């Protein structure tokens, strides 16, 4: 069952509802079936880093690994 967001055309109440394919949602405040489906958006967060990101090393042999080119495992 998808969750939809609605705004009632009668009382302007905004709400979310689980809606089955065979049901028609109604406003929980005034019981009106005259609803406008709202655009649902979701939020995401990212972790902020306090240190700047380190650049990736270039091709093998440039990282300075003591065992020589190709020893570092960066491909």
N, C-alpha and C. Protein backbone atom coordinates (compact mmCIF):
# COMPACT_ATOMS: atom_id res chain seq x y z
N UNK A 1 0.84 -1.18 0.00
CA UNK A 1 0.00 0.00 0.00
C UNK A 1 0.89 1.25 0.00
N UNK A 2 0.69 2.11 -0.96
CA UNK A 2 1.48 3.34 -0.98
C UNK A 2 0.92 4.39 -0.01
N UNK A 3 1.81 5.25 0.44
CA UNK A 3 1.41 6.37 1.28
C UNK A 3 1.36 7.60 0.38
N UNK A 4 0.23 8.29 0.39
CA UNK A 4 0.06 9.50 -0.40
C UNK A 4 -0.18 10.68 0.53
N UNK A 5 0.18 11.86 0.06
CA UNK A 5 -0.11 13.10 0.79
C UNK A 5 -1.23 13.82 0.07
N UNK A 6 -2.17 14.34 0.85
CA UNK A 6 -3.34 15.00 0.30
C UNK A 6 -3.57 16.35 0.98
N UNK A 7 -4.28 17.23 0.28
CA UNK A 7 -4.80 18.47 0.86
C UNK A 7 -6.30 18.46 0.56
N UNK A 8 -7.08 18.69 1.58
CA UNK A 8 -8.53 18.70 1.42
C UNK A 8 -8.96 19.99 0.72
N UNK A 9 -9.82 19.87 -0.29
CA UNK A 9 -10.33 21.04 -1.01
C UNK A 9 -11.35 21.81 -0.18
N UNK A 10 -11.98 21.16 0.79
CA UNK A 10 -13.00 21.80 1.61
C UNK A 10 -12.41 22.57 2.80
N UNK A 11 -11.61 21.88 3.63
CA UNK A 11 -11.10 22.50 4.86
C UNK A 11 -9.61 22.81 4.81
N UNK A 12 -8.93 22.44 3.71
CA UNK A 12 -7.50 22.70 3.49
C UNK A 12 -6.57 21.97 4.45
N UNK A 13 -7.07 20.94 5.10
CA UNK A 13 -6.25 20.11 5.98
C UNK A 13 -5.32 19.26 5.12
N UNK A 14 -4.04 19.19 5.48
CA UNK A 14 -3.07 18.34 4.78
C UNK A 14 -2.79 17.12 5.64
N UNK A 15 -2.73 15.95 4.98
CA UNK A 15 -2.53 14.71 5.71
C UNK A 15 -1.94 13.65 4.79
N UNK A 16 -1.47 12.55 5.39
CA UNK A 16 -0.97 11.39 4.67
C UNK A 16 -1.96 10.26 4.87
N UNK A 17 -2.06 9.40 3.85
CA UNK A 17 -2.98 8.27 3.97
C UNK A 17 -2.41 7.06 3.24
N UNK A 18 -2.58 5.89 3.85
CA UNK A 18 -2.28 4.63 3.18
C UNK A 18 -3.49 4.32 2.31
N UNK A 19 -3.27 4.12 1.02
CA UNK A 19 -4.40 3.97 0.11
C UNK A 19 -4.30 2.64 -0.62
N UNK A 20 -5.35 1.86 -0.52
CA UNK A 20 -5.46 0.61 -1.27
C UNK A 20 -6.06 0.92 -2.64
N UNK A 21 -5.84 0.05 -3.58
CA UNK A 21 -6.33 0.27 -4.94
C UNK A 21 -7.86 0.37 -5.01
N UNK A 22 -8.55 -0.33 -4.12
CA UNK A 22 -10.02 -0.35 -4.17
C UNK A 22 -10.68 0.64 -3.21
N UNK A 23 -9.91 1.58 -2.64
CA UNK A 23 -10.50 2.52 -1.68
C UNK A 23 -10.31 3.97 -2.14
N UNK A 24 -11.17 4.83 -1.65
CA UNK A 24 -11.09 6.26 -1.93
C UNK A 24 -10.85 6.96 -0.60
N UNK A 25 -9.77 7.70 -0.47
CA UNK A 25 -9.50 8.37 0.80
C UNK A 25 -10.44 9.55 1.04
N UNK A 26 -10.65 9.85 2.30
CA UNK A 26 -11.44 11.02 2.70
C UNK A 26 -10.64 11.80 3.73
N UNK A 27 -10.95 13.07 3.86
CA UNK A 27 -10.27 13.92 4.83
C UNK A 27 -10.60 13.47 6.25
N UNK A 28 -9.60 13.28 7.10
CA UNK A 28 -9.89 12.85 8.46
C UNK A 28 -10.57 13.93 9.31
N UNK A 29 -10.51 15.19 8.89
CA UNK A 29 -11.14 16.26 9.67
C UNK A 29 -12.60 16.47 9.30
N UNK A 30 -12.89 16.59 7.99
CA UNK A 30 -14.26 16.93 7.58
C UNK A 30 -14.94 15.83 6.78
N UNK A 31 -14.24 14.71 6.54
CA UNK A 31 -14.75 13.55 5.81
C UNK A 31 -15.06 13.82 4.34
N UNK A 32 -14.52 14.89 3.79
CA UNK A 32 -14.75 15.21 2.38
C UNK A 32 -13.89 14.31 1.49
N UNK A 33 -14.45 13.81 0.39
CA UNK A 33 -13.66 13.03 -0.55
C UNK A 33 -12.98 13.91 -1.62
N UNK A 34 -13.19 15.24 -1.54
CA UNK A 34 -12.61 16.16 -2.52
C UNK A 34 -11.20 16.53 -2.08
N UNK A 35 -10.24 15.76 -2.57
CA UNK A 35 -8.85 15.89 -2.14
C UNK A 35 -7.96 16.20 -3.34
N UNK A 36 -6.91 16.94 -3.06
CA UNK A 36 -5.86 17.19 -4.05
C UNK A 36 -4.64 16.39 -3.62
N UNK A 37 -4.11 15.57 -4.53
CA UNK A 37 -2.92 14.79 -4.21
C UNK A 37 -1.72 15.73 -4.29
N UNK A 38 -0.90 15.73 -3.25
CA UNK A 38 0.28 16.58 -3.19
C UNK A 38 1.49 15.83 -3.71
N UNK A 39 2.47 16.59 -4.14
CA UNK A 39 3.73 16.00 -4.57
C UNK A 39 4.52 15.62 -3.33
N UNK A 40 4.79 14.35 -3.17
CA UNK A 40 5.55 13.87 -2.02
C UNK A 40 7.03 13.99 -2.31
N UNK A 41 7.75 14.53 -1.37
CA UNK A 41 9.20 14.62 -1.49
C UNK A 41 9.81 14.00 -0.25
N UNK A 42 11.01 13.53 -0.37
CA UNK A 42 11.68 12.96 0.78
C UNK A 42 12.98 13.69 0.99
N UNK A 43 13.44 13.68 2.20
CA UNK A 43 14.66 14.39 2.54
C UNK A 43 15.79 13.40 2.75
N UNK A 44 16.96 13.82 2.41
CA UNK A 44 18.14 13.01 2.68
C UNK A 44 19.16 13.88 3.40
N UNK A 45 20.02 13.26 4.12
CA UNK A 45 21.06 14.00 4.80
C UNK A 45 22.40 13.42 4.41
N UNK A 46 23.39 14.24 4.46
CA UNK A 46 24.75 13.77 4.22
C UNK A 46 25.60 14.16 5.41
N UNK A 47 26.57 13.36 5.69
CA UNK A 47 27.46 13.65 6.80
C UNK A 47 28.46 14.71 6.37
N UNK A 48 28.57 15.73 7.15
CA UNK A 48 29.53 16.78 6.86
C UNK A 48 30.89 16.35 7.39
N UNK A 49 31.90 16.60 6.62
CA UNK A 49 33.25 16.25 7.07
C UNK A 49 33.98 17.52 7.44
N UNK A 50 34.76 17.44 8.48
CA UNK A 50 35.50 18.62 8.90
C UNK A 50 36.83 18.74 8.17
N UNK A 51 37.35 17.63 7.68
CA UNK A 51 38.62 17.65 6.95
C UNK A 51 38.32 17.62 5.46
N UNK A 52 39.12 18.30 4.67
CA UNK A 52 38.90 18.24 3.23
C UNK A 52 39.19 16.85 2.69
N UNK A 53 38.49 16.48 1.63
CA UNK A 53 38.68 15.17 1.03
C UNK A 53 40.06 15.08 0.41
N UNK A 54 40.70 13.92 0.58
CA UNK A 54 42.02 13.72 0.00
C UNK A 54 41.85 13.29 -1.44
N UNK A 55 42.64 13.85 -2.34
CA UNK A 55 42.52 13.45 -3.74
C UNK A 55 43.01 12.01 -3.94
N UNK A 56 42.41 11.34 -4.90
CA UNK A 56 42.84 9.99 -5.23
C UNK A 56 44.20 10.06 -5.90
N UNK A 57 45.08 9.10 -5.61
CA UNK A 57 46.38 9.10 -6.28
C UNK A 57 46.22 8.80 -7.76
N UNK A 58 47.19 9.19 -8.53
CA UNK A 58 47.18 8.94 -9.97
C UNK A 58 47.49 7.47 -10.24
N UNK A 59 47.91 7.17 -11.43
CA UNK A 59 48.18 5.80 -11.83
C UNK A 59 49.24 5.15 -10.95
N UNK A 60 49.29 3.83 -10.97
CA UNK A 60 50.27 3.09 -10.16
C UNK A 60 51.68 3.60 -10.40
N UNK A 61 52.42 3.64 -9.32
CA UNK A 61 53.78 4.14 -9.40
C UNK A 61 53.90 5.57 -8.91
N UNK A 62 52.77 6.25 -8.75
CA UNK A 62 52.84 7.65 -8.33
C UNK A 62 52.54 7.84 -6.84
N UNK A 63 52.13 6.77 -6.16
CA UNK A 63 51.77 6.93 -4.75
C UNK A 63 52.98 6.85 -3.82
N UNK A 64 54.09 6.37 -4.31
CA UNK A 64 55.28 6.32 -3.49
C UNK A 64 55.38 5.10 -2.60
N UNK A 65 54.63 4.03 -2.89
CA UNK A 65 54.69 2.81 -2.09
C UNK A 65 56.12 2.27 -2.13
N UNK A 66 56.69 1.86 -0.99
CA UNK A 66 58.09 1.43 -0.95
C UNK A 66 58.39 0.15 -1.75
N UNK A 67 57.37 -0.64 -2.04
CA UNK A 67 57.61 -1.89 -2.80
C UNK A 67 57.58 -1.67 -4.31
N UNK A 68 57.38 -0.46 -4.74
CA UNK A 68 57.43 -0.15 -6.17
C UNK A 68 56.07 -0.08 -6.84
N UNK A 69 56.08 0.22 -8.13
CA UNK A 69 54.83 0.38 -8.90
C UNK A 69 53.97 -0.88 -8.85
N UNK A 70 52.68 -0.68 -8.66
CA UNK A 70 51.72 -1.79 -8.63
C UNK A 70 51.58 -2.46 -7.28
N UNK A 71 52.41 -2.12 -6.31
CA UNK A 71 52.37 -2.78 -5.00
C UNK A 71 51.28 -2.22 -4.09
N UNK A 72 50.82 -1.04 -4.38
CA UNK A 72 49.88 -0.39 -3.47
C UNK A 72 48.47 -0.96 -3.55
N UNK A 73 48.10 -1.59 -4.65
CA UNK A 73 46.78 -2.18 -4.77
C UNK A 73 45.74 -1.26 -5.34
N UNK A 74 46.09 -0.01 -5.66
CA UNK A 74 45.14 0.91 -6.29
C UNK A 74 45.14 0.60 -7.78
N UNK A 75 43.99 0.35 -8.31
CA UNK A 75 43.90 -0.03 -9.73
C UNK A 75 43.22 1.06 -10.51
